[in-house]
C-alpha atoms as a PDB file:
ATOM      1  CA  MET A   1     -16.532   6.020   4.865  1.00  0.00           C
ATOM      2  CA  LYS A   2     -14.465   2.901   4.064  1.00  0.00           C
ATOM      3  CA  LYS A   3     -10.505   3.683   4.021  1.00  0.00           C
ATOM      4  CA  MET A   4      -9.367   2.581   0.243  1.00  0.00           C
ATOM      5  CA  LEU A   5      -5.847   2.250  -0.550  1.00  0.00           C
ATOM      6  CA  TYR A   6      -4.735   3.394  -4.038  1.00  0.00           C
ATOM      7  CA  PHE A   7      -1.829   1.732  -6.350  1.00  0.00           C
ATOM      8  CA  GLN A   8      -0.668   2.629  -9.759  1.00  0.00           C
ATOM      9  CA  THR A   9       2.050   1.566 -11.445  1.00  0.00           C
ATOM     10  CA  GLY A  10       3.575   3.767 -14.580  1.00  0.00           C
ATOM     11  CA  ALA A  11       1.880   1.752 -16.967  1.00  0.00           C
ATOM     12  CA  ASP A  12      -1.247   3.115 -15.915  1.00  0.00           C
ATOM     13  CA  ASP A  13      -2.339  -0.076 -14.210  1.00  0.00           C
ATOM     14  CA  ALA A  14      -4.219   1.213 -11.004  1.00  0.00           C
ATOM     15  CA  THR A  15      -6.122  -0.768  -8.238  1.00  0.00           C
ATOM     16  CA  ALA A  16      -7.409   0.343  -4.596  1.00  0.00           C
ATOM     17  CA  PHE A  17      -8.456  -2.170  -1.885  1.00  0.00           C
ATOM     18  CA  PRO A  18     -10.710  -1.812   1.111  1.00  0.00           C
ATOM     19  CA  ALA A  19      -7.668  -0.883   3.897  1.00  0.00           C
ATOM     20  CA  ASP A  20      -9.741  -3.585   6.527  1.00  0.00           C
ATOM     21  CA  TRP A  21      -8.766  -6.177   3.856  1.00  0.00           C
ATOM     22  CA  ILE A  22      -5.240  -6.278   4.662  1.00  0.00           C
ATOM     23  CA  TYR A  23      -4.076  -9.739   5.452  1.00  0.00           C
ATOM     24  CA  ALA A  24      -0.488  -8.733   6.090  1.00  0.00           C
ATOM     25  CA  ILE A  25       2.579  -6.657   5.286  1.00  0.00           C
ATOM     26  CA  ASP A  26       5.547  -8.480   4.457  1.00  0.00           C
ATOM     27  CA  ALA A  27       8.805  -6.729   4.029  1.00  0.00           C
ATOM     28  CA  GLY A  28      11.745  -8.328   2.460  1.00  0.00           C
ATOM     29  CA  SER A  29      15.500  -6.778   1.738  1.00  0.00           C
ATOM     30  CA  THR A  30      14.047  -3.937  -0.793  1.00  0.00           C
ATOM     31  CA  ALA A  31      10.149  -5.099  -1.246  1.00  0.00           C
ATOM     32  CA  VAL A  32       7.290  -4.655   0.787  1.00  0.00           C
ATOM     33  CA  GLU A  33       4.693  -7.058  -0.332  1.00  0.00           C
ATOM     34  CA  ILE A  34       1.011  -6.401   1.047  1.00  0.00           C
ATOM     35  CA  TYR A  35      -1.973  -9.202   0.500  1.00  0.00           C
ATOM     36  CA  PHE A  36      -4.919  -8.399   0.802  1.00  0.00           C
ATOM     37  CA  THR A  37      -8.098 -10.780   1.805  1.00  0.00           C
ATOM     38  CA  GLY A  38     -11.801 -10.268   1.408  1.00  0.00           C
ATOM     39  CA  THR A  39     -14.047  -9.450   4.424  1.00  0.00           C
ATOM     40  CA  GLY A  40     -14.325 -11.899   6.906  1.00  0.00           C
ATOM     41  CA  GLU A  41     -12.193 -14.275   4.893  1.00  0.00           C
ATOM     42  CA  SER A  42      -8.790 -15.923   4.977  1.00  0.00           C
ATOM     43  CA  THR A  43      -8.171 -16.697   1.526  1.00  0.00           C
ATOM     44  CA  LEU A  44      -5.817 -14.327  -0.854  1.00  0.00           C
ATOM     45  CA  VAL A  45      -7.337 -12.303  -2.931  1.00  0.00           C
ATOM     46  CA  SER A  46      -4.488 -10.251  -4.230  1.00  0.00           C
ATOM     47  CA  SER A  47      -1.235  -8.653  -3.375  1.00  0.00           C
ATOM     48  CA  VAL A  48       0.421  -5.707  -4.370  1.00  0.00           C
ATOM     49  CA  GLY A  49       4.505  -5.397  -4.277  1.00  0.00           C
ATOM     50  CA  LEU A  50       6.719  -2.010  -3.722  1.00  0.00           C
ATOM     51  CA  THR A  51       9.755  -1.683  -4.343  1.00  0.00           C
ATOM     52  CA  VAL A  52      11.751   0.026  -1.684  1.00  0.00           C
ATOM     53  CA  THR A  53      15.258   1.482  -0.680  1.00  0.00           C
ATOM     54  CA  ALA A  54      17.537  -0.800   1.222  1.00  0.00           C
ATOM     55  CA  GLY A  55      17.184  -0.326   4.616  1.00  0.00           C
ATOM     56  CA  GLN A  56      14.266   1.452   4.652  1.00  0.00           C
ATOM     57  CA  GLU A  57      11.485  -1.611   4.857  1.00  0.00           C
ATOM     58  CA  GLU A  58      10.443  -1.256   8.099  1.00  0.00           C
ATOM     59  CA  ASN A  59      10.211   2.643   7.889  1.00  0.00           C
ATOM     60  CA  VAL A  60       7.647   2.305   4.478  1.00  0.00           C
ATOM     61  CA  VAL A  61       5.806  -0.891   6.394  1.00  0.00           C
ATOM     62  CA  LYS A  62       5.057   1.378   9.867  1.00  0.00           C
ATOM     63  CA  ALA A  63       4.330   4.929   7.759  1.00  0.00           C
ATOM     64  CA  ILE A  64       1.518   2.237   5.813  1.00  0.00           C
ATOM     65  CA  VAL A  65       0.077   1.947   8.781  1.00  0.00           C
ATOM     66  CA  GLN A  66       0.293   5.483  10.298  1.00  0.00           C
ATOM     67  CA  LYS A  67      -1.165   6.768   6.961  1.00  0.00           C
ATOM     68  CA  ILE A  68      -4.187   3.783   6.945  1.00  0.00           C
ATOM     69  CA  ASN A  69      -5.009   5.193  11.117  1.00  0.00           C
ATOM     70  CA  GLU A  70      -4.676   8.548  10.674  1.00  0.00           C
ATOM     71  CA  GLY A  71      -7.905  11.199   9.931  1.00  0.00           C
ATOM     72  CA  PRO A  72      -9.743  12.610   8.311  1.00  0.00           C
ATOM     73  CA  HIS A  73      -9.552  10.942   5.103  1.00  0.00           C
ATOM     74  CA  SER A  74     -12.203  13.365   3.387  1.00  0.00           C
ATOM     75  CA  ASP A  75     -12.709  11.309   0.741  1.00  0.00           C
ATOM     76  CA  GLY A  76     -11.295   7.886   1.898  1.00  0.00           C
ATOM     77  CA  LEU A  77      -8.571   7.348  -0.744  1.00  0.00           C
ATOM     78  CA  ILE A  78      -5.318   6.574   0.715  1.00  0.00           C
ATOM     79  CA  VAL A  79      -2.656   7.174  -1.847  1.00  0.00           C
ATOM     80  CA  ILE A  80      -0.015   4.452  -0.913  1.00  0.00           C
ATOM     81  CA  ALA A  81       1.987   4.316  -4.349  1.00  0.00           C
ATOM     82  CA  ASP A  82       1.672   5.868  -7.482  1.00  0.00           C
ATOM     83  CA  ASP A  83       4.323   5.855  -9.741  1.00  0.00           C
ATOM     84  CA  ALA A  84       2.464   7.911 -12.629  1.00  0.00           C
ATOM     85  CA  ASN A  85       2.597  11.302 -10.452  1.00  0.00           C
ATOM     86  CA  SER A  86       5.768   9.849  -8.484  1.00  0.00           C
ATOM     87  CA  VAL A  87       3.367  10.278  -5.039  1.00  0.00           C
ATOM     88  CA  TYR A  88       4.189   7.907  -2.450  1.00  0.00           C
ATOM     89  CA  CYS A  89       3.278   7.810   1.509  1.00  0.00           C
ATOM     90  CA  HIS A  90       6.824   6.991   2.356  1.00  0.00           C
ATOM     91  CA  SER A  91      10.416   8.825   0.422  1.00  0.00           C
ATOM     92  CA  GLY A  92      11.863   5.049   0.402  1.00  0.00           C
ATOM     93  CA  ILE A  93       8.934   3.550  -1.802  1.00  0.00           C
ATOM     94  CA  THR A  94      10.636   3.992  -5.346  1.00  0.00           C
ATOM     95  CA  ALA A  95       8.162   1.921  -7.274  1.00  0.00           C
ATOM     96  CA  CYS A  96       4.809   0.240  -7.382  1.00  0.00           C
ATOM     97  CA  GLY A  97       4.205  -3.187  -8.718  1.00  0.00           C
END
C-alpha cells in the first residue's frame, strides 16, 4: 500500500502526495517546507509549507519522518496537517499552506 501524506488548509484546500515523492524537508525559523518530486524524477512537482512554533522546527521535521515510518497505516493516509480539523502530526505545527 502506498503511503499518502495529507495536507489541508483552513480554506478547504486539500492535497495528498505519496510519501516516497519527498525530495527534501527544509526547516527555517518558523516554517517547514516539504518538497515533492515525481517517482524517479529530480524535477520539483510541488511543495507544501507549514507554519511552526519558533524553536520547534527540528522536532517537526523529526515527527514527520517518524510518522511516515511508523506503522501500520491501515488506510495508507497519514495526516501531516489539517487546519480545518486542527489535526497535526506534531504540536509545533500551527498552520498549513
